[in-house]
Amino acid sequence: QLAHNFQMTYHISEVAHPMRTLIMASKEPHCLSDLLAKQREGR
């Protein structure tokens, strides 16, 4: 209702919900390996 009153575009997100992410890559591994490692480390 508040958003309607102020003509807002808005989103409410739950911090505890990790974002479901699909990664696409071709042959170069550097960006993919970095994302996989940081996700595993909780970063």
ModelCIF file with pLDDT and N, C-alpha, C, O atoms, coordinates in Angstrom:
data_MODEL
#
_entry.id   MODEL 
#
_entity.id                         1 
_entity.type                       polymer 
_entity.pdbx_number_of_molecules   1 
#
_entity_poly.entity_id                      1 
_entity_poly.type                           'polypeptide(L)' 
_entity_poly.nstd_linkage                   no 
_entity_poly.nstd_monomer                   no 
_entity_poly.pdbx_seq_one_letter_code       QLAHNFQMTYHISEVAHPMRTLIMASKEPHCLSDLLAKQREGR 
_entity_poly.pdbx_seq_one_letter_code_can   QLAHNFQMTYHISEVAHPMRTLIMASKEPHCLSDLLAKQREGR 
_entity_poly.pdbx_strand_id                 A 
#
loop_
_entity_poly_seq.entity_id 
_entity_poly_seq.num 
_entity_poly_seq.mon_id 
_entity_poly_seq.hetero 
1 1  GLN n 
1 2  LEU n 
1 3  ALA n 
1 4  HIS n 
1 5  ASN n 
1 6  PHE n 
1 7  GLN n 
1 8  MET n 
1 9  THR n 
1 10 TYR n 
1 11 HIS n 
1 12 ILE n 
1 13 SER n 
1 14 GLU n 
1 15 VAL n 
1 16 ALA n 
1 17 HIS n 
1 18 PRO n 
1 19 MET n 
1 20 ARG n 
1 21 THR n 
1 22 LEU n 
1 23 ILE n 
1 24 MET n 
1 25 ALA n 
1 26 SER n 
1 27 LYS n 
1 28 GLU n 
1 29 PRO n 
1 30 HIS n 
1 31 CYS n 
1 32 LEU n 
1 33 SER n 
1 34 ASP n 
1 35 LEU n 
1 36 LEU n 
1 37 ALA n 
1 38 LYS n 
1 39 GLN n 
1 40 ARG n 
1 41 GLU n 
1 42 GLY n 
1 43 ARG n 
#
_struct_asym.id          A 
_struct_asym.entity_id   1 
#
loop_
_ma_qa_metric.id 
_ma_qa_metric.mode 
_ma_qa_metric.name 
_ma_qa_metric.software_group_id 
_ma_qa_metric.type 
1 global pLDDT . pLDDT 
2 local  pLDDT . pLDDT 
#
_ma_qa_metric_global.metric_id      1 
_ma_qa_metric_global.metric_value   97.16 
_ma_qa_metric_global.model_id       1 
_ma_qa_metric_global.ordinal_id     1 
#
loop_
_ma_qa_metric_local.label_asym_id 
_ma_qa_metric_local.label_comp_id 
_ma_qa_metric_local.label_seq_id 
_ma_qa_metric_local.metric_id 
_ma_qa_metric_local.metric_value 
_ma_qa_metric_local.model_id 
_ma_qa_metric_local.ordinal_id 
A GLN 1  2 97.00 1 1  
A LEU 2  2 97.00 1 2  
A ALA 3  2 97.00 1 3  
A HIS 4  2 97.00 1 4  
A ASN 5  2 96.00 1 5  
A PHE 6  2 97.00 1 6  
A GLN 7  2 97.00 1 7  
A MET 8  2 98.00 1 8  
A THR 9  2 97.00 1 9  
A TYR 10 2 97.00 1 10 
A HIS 11 2 97.00 1 11 
A ILE 12 2 97.00 1 12 
A SER 13 2 97.00 1 13 
A GLU 14 2 96.00 1 14 
A VAL 15 2 95.00 1 15 
A ALA 16 2 94.00 1 16 
A HIS 17 2 95.00 1 17 
A PRO 18 2 97.00 1 18 
A MET 19 2 98.00 1 19 
A ARG 20 2 98.00 1 20 
A THR 21 2 98.00 1 21 
A LEU 22 2 98.00 1 22 
A ILE 23 2 98.00 1 23 
A MET 24 2 98.00 1 24 
A ALA 25 2 98.00 1 25 
A SER 26 2 97.00 1 26 
A LYS 27 2 96.00 1 27 
A GLU 28 2 96.00 1 28 
A PRO 29 2 98.00 1 29 
A HIS 30 2 97.00 1 30 
A CYS 31 2 98.00 1 31 
A LEU 32 2 98.00 1 32 
A SER 33 2 98.00 1 33 
A ASP 34 2 98.00 1 34 
A LEU 35 2 98.00 1 35 
A LEU 36 2 98.00 1 36 
A ALA 37 2 98.00 1 37 
A LYS 38 2 98.00 1 38 
A GLN 39 2 98.00 1 39 
A ARG 40 2 97.00 1 40 
A GLU 41 2 97.00 1 41 
A GLY 42 2 97.00 1 42 
A ARG 43 2 97.00 1 43 
#
loop_
_atom_site.group_PDB 
_atom_site.id 
_atom_site.type_symbol 
_atom_site.label_atom_id 
_atom_site.label_alt_id 
_atom_site.label_comp_id 
_atom_site.label_asym_id 
_atom_site.label_entity_id 
_atom_site.label_seq_id 
_atom_site.pdbx_PDB_ins_code 
_atom_site.Cartn_x 
_atom_site.Cartn_y 
_atom_site.Cartn_z 
_atom_site.occupancy 
_atom_site.B_iso_or_equiv 
_atom_site.pdbx_formal_charge 
_atom_site.auth_seq_id 
_atom_site.auth_comp_id 
_atom_site.auth_asym_id 
_atom_site.auth_atom_id 
_atom_site.pdbx_PDB_model_num 
ATOM 1   N N  . GLN A 1 1  ? 0.824  -1.204  0.000   1.00 97.00 ? 1  GLN A N  1 
ATOM 2   C CA . GLN A 1 1  ? 0.000  0.000   0.000   1.00 97.00 ? 1  GLN A CA 1 
ATOM 3   C C  . GLN A 1 1  ? 0.861  1.257   0.000   1.00 97.00 ? 1  GLN A C  1 
ATOM 4   O O  . GLN A 1 1  ? 0.560  2.223   -0.702  1.00 97.00 ? 1  GLN A O  1 
ATOM 5   N N  . LEU A 1 2  ? 1.935  1.241   0.793   1.00 97.00 ? 2  LEU A N  1 
ATOM 6   C CA . LEU A 1 2  ? 2.860  2.381   0.799   1.00 97.00 ? 2  LEU A CA 1 
ATOM 7   C C  . LEU A 1 2  ? 3.481  2.572   -0.585  1.00 97.00 ? 2  LEU A C  1 
ATOM 8   O O  . LEU A 1 2  ? 3.601  3.695   -1.073  1.00 97.00 ? 2  LEU A O  1 
ATOM 9   N N  . ALA A 1 3  ? 3.867  1.473   -1.202  1.00 97.00 ? 3  ALA A N  1 
ATOM 10  C CA . ALA A 1 3  ? 4.463  1.548   -2.539  1.00 97.00 ? 3  ALA A CA 1 
ATOM 11  C C  . ALA A 1 3  ? 3.477  2.137   -3.540  1.00 97.00 ? 3  ALA A C  1 
ATOM 12  O O  . ALA A 1 3  ? 3.859  2.921   -4.409  1.00 97.00 ? 3  ALA A O  1 
ATOM 13  N N  . HIS A 1 4  ? 2.221  1.760   -3.418  1.00 97.00 ? 4  HIS A N  1 
ATOM 14  C CA . HIS A 1 4  ? 1.188  2.320   -4.307  1.00 97.00 ? 4  HIS A CA 1 
ATOM 15  C C  . HIS A 1 4  ? 1.067  3.826   -4.096  1.00 97.00 ? 4  HIS A C  1 
ATOM 16  O O  . HIS A 1 4  ? 0.945  4.580   -5.061  1.00 97.00 ? 4  HIS A O  1 
ATOM 17  N N  . ASN A 1 5  ? 1.101  4.261   -2.855  1.00 96.00 ? 5  ASN A N  1 
ATOM 18  C CA . ASN A 1 5  ? 0.940  5.685   -2.553  1.00 96.00 ? 5  ASN A CA 1 
ATOM 19  C C  . ASN A 1 5  ? 2.072  6.527   -3.139  1.00 96.00 ? 5  ASN A C  1 
ATOM 20  O O  . ASN A 1 5  ? 1.859  7.667   -3.554  1.00 96.00 ? 5  ASN A O  1 
ATOM 21  N N  . PHE A 1 6  ? 3.278  5.956   -3.170  1.00 97.00 ? 6  PHE A N  1 
ATOM 22  C CA . PHE A 1 6  ? 4.439  6.711   -3.642  1.00 97.00 ? 6  PHE A CA 1 
ATOM 23  C C  . PHE A 1 6  ? 4.895  6.299   -5.052  1.00 97.00 ? 6  PHE A C  1 
ATOM 24  O O  . PHE A 1 6  ? 5.954  6.730   -5.509  1.00 97.00 ? 6  PHE A O  1 
ATOM 25  N N  . GLN A 1 7  ? 4.101  5.470   -5.738  1.00 97.00 ? 7  GLN A N  1 
ATOM 26  C CA . GLN A 1 7  ? 4.445  5.001   -7.099  1.00 97.00 ? 7  GLN A CA 1 
ATOM 27  C C  . GLN A 1 7  ? 5.823  4.327   -7.123  1.00 97.00 ? 7  GLN A C  1 
ATOM 28  O O  . GLN A 1 7  ? 6.658  4.607   -7.984  1.00 97.00 ? 7  GLN A O  1 
ATOM 29  N N  . MET A 1 8  ? 6.030  3.444   -6.167  1.00 98.00 ? 8  MET A N  1 
ATOM 30  C CA . MET A 1 8  ? 7.327  2.784   -6.022  1.00 98.00 ? 8  MET A CA 1 
ATOM 31  C C  . MET A 1 8  ? 7.423  1.522   -6.875  1.00 98.00 ? 8  MET A C  1 
ATOM 32  O O  . MET A 1 8  ? 6.452  0.783   -7.034  1.00 98.00 ? 8  MET A O  1 
ATOM 33  N N  . THR A 1 9  ? 8.598  1.299   -7.409  1.00 97.00 ? 9  THR A N  1 
ATOM 34  C CA . THR A 1 9  ? 9.009  -0.026  -7.857  1.00 97.00 ? 9  THR A CA 1 
ATOM 35  C C  . THR A 1 9  ? 9.845  -0.596  -6.723  1.00 97.00 ? 9  THR A C  1 
ATOM 36  O O  . THR A 1 9  ? 10.836 0.019   -6.329  1.00 97.00 ? 9  THR A O  1 
ATOM 37  N N  . TYR A 1 10 ? 9.475  -1.753  -6.185  1.00 97.00 ? 10 TYR A N  1 
ATOM 38  C CA . TYR A 1 10 ? 10.152 -2.220  -4.978  1.00 97.00 ? 10 TYR A CA 1 
ATOM 39  C C  . TYR A 1 10 ? 10.299 -3.736  -4.974  1.00 97.00 ? 10 TYR A C  1 
ATOM 40  O O  . TYR A 1 10 ? 9.640  -4.453  -5.727  1.00 97.00 ? 10 TYR A O  1 
ATOM 41  N N  . HIS A 1 11 ? 11.192 -4.196  -4.095  1.00 97.00 ? 11 HIS A N  1 
ATOM 42  C CA . HIS A 1 11 ? 11.394 -5.623  -3.897  1.00 97.00 ? 11 HIS A CA 1 
ATOM 43  C C  . HIS A 1 11 ? 11.792 -5.857  -2.448  1.00 97.00 ? 11 HIS A C  1 
ATOM 44  O O  . HIS A 1 11 ? 12.603 -5.117  -1.893  1.00 97.00 ? 11 HIS A O  1 
ATOM 45  N N  . ILE A 1 12 ? 11.216 -6.893  -1.834  1.00 97.00 ? 12 ILE A N  1 
ATOM 46  C CA . ILE A 1 12 ? 11.582 -7.285  -0.476  1.00 97.00 ? 12 ILE A CA 1 
ATOM 47  C C  . ILE A 1 12 ? 12.229 -8.656  -0.542  1.00 97.00 ? 12 ILE A C  1 
ATOM 48  O O  . ILE A 1 12 ? 11.623 -9.603  -1.044  1.00 97.00 ? 12 ILE A O  1 
ATOM 49  N N  . SER A 1 13 ? 13.449 -8.774  -0.044  1.00 97.00 ? 13 SER A N  1 
ATOM 50  C CA . SER A 1 13 ? 14.227 -10.001 -0.152  1.00 97.00 ? 13 SER A CA 1 
ATOM 51  C C  . SER A 1 13 ? 14.584 -10.531 1.222   1.00 97.00 ? 13 SER A C  1 
ATOM 52  O O  . SER A 1 13 ? 14.782 -9.765  2.165   1.00 97.00 ? 13 SER A O  1 
ATOM 53  N N  . GLU A 1 14 ? 14.664 -11.841 1.325   1.00 96.00 ? 14 GLU A N  1 
ATOM 54  C CA . GLU A 1 14 ? 15.060 -12.492 2.575   1.00 96.00 ? 14 GLU A CA 1 
ATOM 55  C C  . GLU A 1 14 ? 16.564 -12.750 2.545   1.00 96.00 ? 14 GLU A C  1 
ATOM 56  O O  . GLU A 1 14 ? 17.062 -13.452 1.665   1.00 96.00 ? 14 GLU A O  1 
ATOM 57  N N  . VAL A 1 15 ? 17.281 -12.184 3.505   1.00 95.00 ? 15 VAL A N  1 
ATOM 58  C CA . VAL A 1 15 ? 18.741 -12.309 3.539   1.00 95.00 ? 15 VAL A CA 1 
ATOM 59  C C  . VAL A 1 15 ? 19.168 -13.767 3.677   1.00 95.00 ? 15 VAL A C  1 
ATOM 60  O O  . VAL A 1 15 ? 20.197 -14.165 3.132   1.00 95.00 ? 15 VAL A O  1 
ATOM 61  N N  . ALA A 1 16 ? 18.398 -14.554 4.391   1.00 94.00 ? 16 ALA A N  1 
ATOM 62  C CA . ALA A 1 16 ? 18.766 -15.959 4.622   1.00 94.00 ? 16 ALA A CA 1 
ATOM 63  C C  . ALA A 1 16 ? 18.637 -16.809 3.372   1.00 94.00 ? 16 ALA A C  1 
ATOM 64  O O  . ALA A 1 16 ? 19.097 -17.950 3.347   1.00 94.00 ? 16 ALA A O  1 
ATOM 65  N N  . HIS A 1 17 ? 18.016 -16.266 2.336   1.00 95.00 ? 17 HIS A N  1 
ATOM 66  C CA . HIS A 1 17 ? 17.800 -17.025 1.101   1.00 95.00 ? 17 HIS A CA 1 
ATOM 67  C C  . HIS A 1 17 ? 18.929 -16.750 0.115   1.00 95.00 ? 17 HIS A C  1 
ATOM 68  O O  . HIS A 1 17 ? 18.953 -15.672 -0.477  1.00 95.00 ? 17 HIS A O  1 
ATOM 69  N N  . PRO A 1 18 ? 19.879 -17.691 -0.090  1.00 97.00 ? 18 PRO A N  1 
ATOM 70  C CA . PRO A 1 18 ? 20.942 -17.465 -1.085  1.00 97.00 ? 18 PRO A CA 1 
ATOM 71  C C  . PRO A 1 18 ? 20.352 -17.440 -2.484  1.00 97.00 ? 18 PRO A C  1 
ATOM 72  O O  . PRO A 1 18 ? 19.445 -18.211 -2.795  1.00 97.00 ? 18 PRO A O  1 
ATOM 73  N N  . MET A 1 19 ? 20.860 -16.565 -3.317  1.00 98.00 ? 19 MET A N  1 
ATOM 74  C CA . MET A 1 19 ? 20.302 -16.393 -4.657  1.00 98.00 ? 19 MET A CA 1 
ATOM 75  C C  . MET A 1 19 ? 20.650 -17.583 -5.547  1.00 98.00 ? 19 MET A C  1 
ATOM 76  O O  . MET A 1 19 ? 21.817 -17.950 -5.686  1.00 98.00 ? 19 MET A O  1 
ATOM 77  N N  . ARG A 1 20 ? 19.626 -18.174 -6.142  1.00 98.00 ? 20 ARG A N  1 
ATOM 78  C CA . ARG A 1 20 ? 19.823 -19.329 -7.015  1.00 98.00 ? 20 ARG A CA 1 
ATOM 79  C C  . ARG A 1 20 ? 20.436 -18.855 -8.338  1.00 98.00 ? 20 ARG A C  1 
ATOM 80  O O  . ARG A 1 20 ? 19.830 -18.088 -9.086  1.00 98.00 ? 20 ARG A O  1 
ATOM 81  N N  . THR A 1 21 ? 21.652 -19.335 -8.601  1.00 98.00 ? 21 THR A N  1 
ATOM 82  C CA . THR A 1 21 ? 22.484 -18.774 -9.662  1.00 98.00 ? 21 THR A CA 1 
ATOM 83  C C  . THR A 1 21 ? 22.962 -19.845 -10.624 1.00 98.00 ? 21 THR A C  1 
ATOM 84  O O  . THR A 1 21 ? 23.496 -20.875 -10.211 1.00 98.00 ? 21 THR A O  1 
ATOM 85  N N  . LEU A 1 22 ? 22.766 -19.596 -11.911 1.00 98.00 ? 22 LEU A N  1 
ATOM 86  C CA . LEU A 1 22 ? 23.284 -20.460 -12.966 1.00 98.00 ? 22 LEU A CA 1 
ATOM 87  C C  . LEU A 1 22 ? 24.463 -19.747 -13.616 1.00 98.00 ? 22 LEU A C  1 
ATOM 88  O O  . LEU A 1 22 ? 24.360 -18.575 -13.980 1.00 98.00 ? 22 LEU A O  1 
ATOM 89  N N  . ILE A 1 23 ? 25.582 -20.453 -13.761 1.00 98.00 ? 23 ILE A N  1 
ATOM 90  C CA . ILE A 1 23 ? 26.780 -19.871 -14.357 1.00 98.00 ? 23 ILE A CA 1 
ATOM 91  C C  . ILE A 1 23 ? 27.005 -20.473 -15.731 1.00 98.00 ? 23 ILE A C  1 
ATOM 92  O O  . ILE A 1 23 ? 26.935 -21.689 -15.913 1.00 98.00 ? 23 ILE A O  1 
ATOM 93  N N  . MET A 1 24 ? 27.277 -19.603 -16.698 1.00 98.00 ? 24 MET A N  1 
ATOM 94  C CA . MET A 1 24 ? 27.583 -20.047 -18.058 1.00 98.00 ? 24 MET A CA 1 
ATOM 95  C C  . MET A 1 24 ? 29.031 -19.677 -18.388 1.00 98.00 ? 24 MET A C  1 
ATOM 96  O O  . MET A 1 24 ? 29.487 -18.574 -18.089 1.00 98.00 ? 24 MET A O  1 
ATOM 97  N N  . ALA A 1 25 ? 29.736 -20.613 -19.004 1.00 98.00 ? 25 ALA A N  1 
ATOM 98  C CA . ALA A 1 25 ? 31.125 -20.382 -19.398 1.00 98.00 ? 25 ALA A CA 1 
ATOM 99  C C  . ALA A 1 25 ? 31.415 -21.212 -20.638 1.00 98.00 ? 25 ALA A C  1 
ATOM 100 O O  . ALA A 1 25 ? 30.679 -22.145 -20.958 1.00 98.00 ? 25 ALA A O  1 
ATOM 101 N N  . SER A 1 26 ? 32.493 -20.865 -21.334 1.00 97.00 ? 26 SER A N  1 
ATOM 102 C CA . SER A 1 26 ? 32.854 -21.612 -22.541 1.00 97.00 ? 26 SER A CA 1 
ATOM 103 C C  . SER A 1 26 ? 34.103 -22.451 -22.301 1.00 97.00 ? 26 SER A C  1 
ATOM 104 O O  . SER A 1 26 ? 33.999 -23.631 -21.966 1.00 97.00 ? 26 SER A O  1 
ATOM 105 N N  . LYS A 1 27 ? 35.284 -21.855 -22.468 1.00 96.00 ? 27 LYS A N  1 
ATOM 106 C CA . LYS A 1 27 ? 36.519 -22.623 -22.300 1.00 96.00 ? 27 LYS A CA 1 
ATOM 107 C C  . LYS A 1 27 ? 37.436 -22.058 -21.226 1.00 96.00 ? 27 LYS A C  1 
ATOM 108 O O  . LYS A 1 27 ? 38.174 -22.809 -20.589 1.00 96.00 ? 27 LYS A O  1 
ATOM 109 N N  . GLU A 1 28 ? 37.400 -20.738 -21.014 1.00 96.00 ? 28 GLU A N  1 
ATOM 110 C CA . GLU A 1 28 ? 38.310 -20.118 -20.054 1.00 96.00 ? 28 GLU A CA 1 
ATOM 111 C C  . GLU A 1 28 ? 37.808 -20.359 -18.635 1.00 96.00 ? 28 GLU A C  1 
ATOM 112 O O  . GLU A 1 28 ? 36.640 -20.097 -18.348 1.00 96.00 ? 28 GLU A O  1 
ATOM 113 N N  . PRO A 1 29 ? 38.667 -20.855 -17.737 1.00 98.00 ? 29 PRO A N  1 
ATOM 114 C CA . PRO A 1 29 ? 38.203 -21.263 -16.407 1.00 98.00 ? 29 PRO A CA 1 
ATOM 115 C C  . PRO A 1 29 ? 38.290 -20.198 -15.326 1.00 98.00 ? 29 PRO A C  1 
ATOM 116 O O  . PRO A 1 29 ? 37.709 -20.380 -14.256 1.00 98.00 ? 29 PRO A O  1 
ATOM 117 N N  . HIS A 1 30 ? 38.997 -19.086 -15.562 1.00 97.00 ? 30 HIS A N  1 
ATOM 118 C CA . HIS A 1 30 ? 39.380 -18.229 -14.444 1.00 97.00 ? 30 HIS A CA 1 
ATOM 119 C C  . HIS A 1 30 ? 38.192 -17.619 -13.702 1.00 97.00 ? 30 HIS A C  1 
ATOM 120 O O  . HIS A 1 30 ? 38.192 -17.599 -12.472 1.00 97.00 ? 30 HIS A O  1 
ATOM 121 N N  . CYS A 1 31 ? 37.189 -17.125 -14.411 1.00 98.00 ? 31 CYS A N  1 
ATOM 122 C CA . CYS A 1 31 ? 36.038 -16.518 -13.725 1.00 98.00 ? 31 CYS A CA 1 
ATOM 123 C C  . CYS A 1 31 ? 35.169 -17.586 -13.063 1.00 98.00 ? 31 CYS A C  1 
ATOM 124 O O  . CYS A 1 31 ? 34.691 -17.395 -11.945 1.00 98.00 ? 31 CYS A O  1 
ATOM 125 N N  . LEU A 1 32 ? 34.969 -18.695 -13.745 1.00 98.00 ? 32 LEU A N  1 
ATOM 126 C CA . LEU A 1 32 ? 34.168 -19.774 -13.176 1.00 98.00 ? 32 LEU A CA 1 
ATOM 127 C C  . LEU A 1 32 ? 34.806 -20.324 -11.911 1.00 98.00 ? 32 LEU A C  1 
ATOM 128 O O  . LEU A 1 32 ? 34.120 -20.496 -10.904 1.00 98.00 ? 32 LEU A O  1 
ATOM 129 N N  . SER A 1 33 ? 36.098 -20.601 -11.940 1.00 98.00 ? 33 SER A N  1 
ATOM 130 C CA . SER A 1 33 ? 36.759 -21.180 -10.771 1.00 98.00 ? 33 SER A CA 1 
ATOM 131 C C  . SER A 1 33 ? 36.733 -20.207 -9.599  1.00 98.00 ? 33 SER A C  1 
ATOM 132 O O  . SER A 1 33 ? 36.606 -20.628 -8.449  1.00 98.00 ? 33 SER A O  1 
ATOM 133 N N  . ASP A 1 34 ? 36.852 -18.915 -9.878  1.00 98.00 ? 34 ASP A N  1 
ATOM 134 C CA . ASP A 1 34 ? 36.811 -17.914 -8.818  1.00 98.00 ? 34 ASP A CA 1 
ATOM 135 C C  . ASP A 1 34 ? 35.444 -17.887 -8.144  1.00 98.00 ? 34 ASP A C  1 
ATOM 136 O O  . ASP A 1 34 ? 35.363 -17.836 -6.917  1.00 98.00 ? 34 ASP A O  1 
ATOM 137 N N  . LEU A 1 35 ? 34.376 -17.921 -8.926  1.00 98.00 ? 35 LEU A N  1 
ATOM 138 C CA . LEU A 1 35 ? 33.028 -17.909 -8.354  1.00 98.00 ? 35 LEU A CA 1 
ATOM 139 C C  . LEU A 1 35 ? 32.748 -19.178 -7.560  1.00 98.00 ? 35 LEU A C  1 
ATOM 140 O O  . LEU A 1 35 ? 32.165 -19.126 -6.478  1.00 98.00 ? 35 LEU A O  1 
ATOM 141 N N  . LEU A 1 36 ? 33.167 -20.318 -8.102  1.00 98.00 ? 36 LEU A N  1 
ATOM 142 C CA . LEU A 1 36 ? 32.959 -21.585 -7.386  1.00 98.00 ? 36 LEU A CA 1 
ATOM 143 C C  . LEU A 1 36 ? 33.707 -21.601 -6.055  1.00 98.00 ? 36 LEU A C  1 
ATOM 144 O O  . LEU A 1 36 ? 33.170 -22.047 -5.041  1.00 98.00 ? 36 LEU A O  1 
ATOM 145 N N  . ALA A 1 37 ? 34.942 -21.115 -6.062  1.00 98.00 ? 37 ALA A N  1 
ATOM 146 C CA . ALA A 1 37 ? 35.734 -21.109 -4.831  1.00 98.00 ? 37 ALA A CA 1 
ATOM 147 C C  . ALA A 1 37 ? 35.138 -20.163 -3.796  1.00 98.00 ? 37 ALA A C  1 
ATOM 148 O O  . ALA A 1 37 ? 35.029 -20.517 -2.622  1.00 98.00 ? 37 ALA A O  1 
ATOM 149 N N  . LYS A 1 38 ? 34.754 -18.969 -4.219  1.00 98.00 ? 38 LYS A N  1 
ATOM 150 C CA . LYS A 1 38 ? 34.212 -17.992 -3.272  1.00 98.00 ? 38 LYS A CA 1 
ATOM 151 C C  . LYS A 1 38 ? 32.858 -18.432 -2.732  1.00 98.00 ? 38 LYS A C  1 
ATOM 152 O O  . LYS A 1 38 ? 32.537 -18.163 -1.575  1.00 98.00 ? 38 LYS A O  1 
ATOM 153 N N  . GLN A 1 39 ? 32.067 -19.101 -3.552  1.00 98.00 ? 39 GLN A N  1 
ATOM 154 C CA . GLN A 1 39 ? 30.793 -19.615 -3.056  1.00 98.00 ? 39 GLN A CA 1 
ATOM 155 C C  . GLN A 1 39 ? 31.023 -20.700 -2.009  1.00 98.00 ? 39 GLN A C  1 
ATOM 156 O O  . GLN A 1 39 ? 30.348 -20.728 -0.980  1.00 98.00 ? 39 GLN A O  1 
ATOM 157 N N  . ARG A 1 40 ? 31.976 -21.591 -2.271  1.00 97.00 ? 40 ARG A N  1 
ATOM 158 C CA . ARG A 1 40 ? 32.283 -22.658 -1.317  1.00 97.00 ? 40 ARG A CA 1 
ATOM 159 C C  . ARG A 1 40 ? 32.810 -22.089 -0.009  1.00 97.00 ? 40 ARG A C  1 
ATOM 160 O O  . ARG A 1 40 ? 32.526 -22.625 1.062   1.00 97.00 ? 40 ARG A O  1 
ATOM 161 N N  . GLU A 1 41 ? 33.578 -21.004 -0.088  1.00 97.00 ? 41 GLU A N  1 
ATOM 162 C CA . GLU A 1 41 ? 34.147 -20.389 1.107   1.00 97.00 ? 41 GLU A CA 1 
ATOM 163 C C  . GLU A 1 41 ? 33.137 -19.539 1.875   1.00 97.00 ? 41 GLU A C  1 
ATOM 164 O O  . GLU A 1 41 ? 33.453 -19.013 2.942   1.00 97.00 ? 41 GLU A O  1 
ATOM 165 N N  . GLY A 1 42 ? 31.924 -19.401 1.336   1.00 97.00 ? 42 GLY A N  1 
ATOM 166 C CA . GLY A 1 42 ? 30.908 -18.588 1.997   1.00 97.00 ? 42 GLY A CA 1 
ATOM 167 C C  . GLY A 1 42 ? 31.060 -17.108 1.754   1.00 97.00 ? 42 GLY A C  1 
ATOM 168 O O  . GLY A 1 42 ? 30.502 -16.301 2.496   1.00 97.00 ? 42 GLY A O  1 
ATOM 169 N N  . ARG A 1 43 ? 31.806 -16.730 0.727   1.00 97.00 ? 43 ARG A N  1 
ATOM 170 C CA . ARG A 1 43 ? 32.048 -15.315 0.444   1.00 97.00 ? 43 ARG A CA 1 
ATOM 171 C C  . ARG A 1 43 ? 31.055 -14.744 -0.557  1.00 97.00 ? 43 ARG A C  1 
ATOM 172 O O  . ARG A 1 43 ? 31.130 -13.563 -0.896  1.00 97.00 ? 43 ARG A O  1 
#
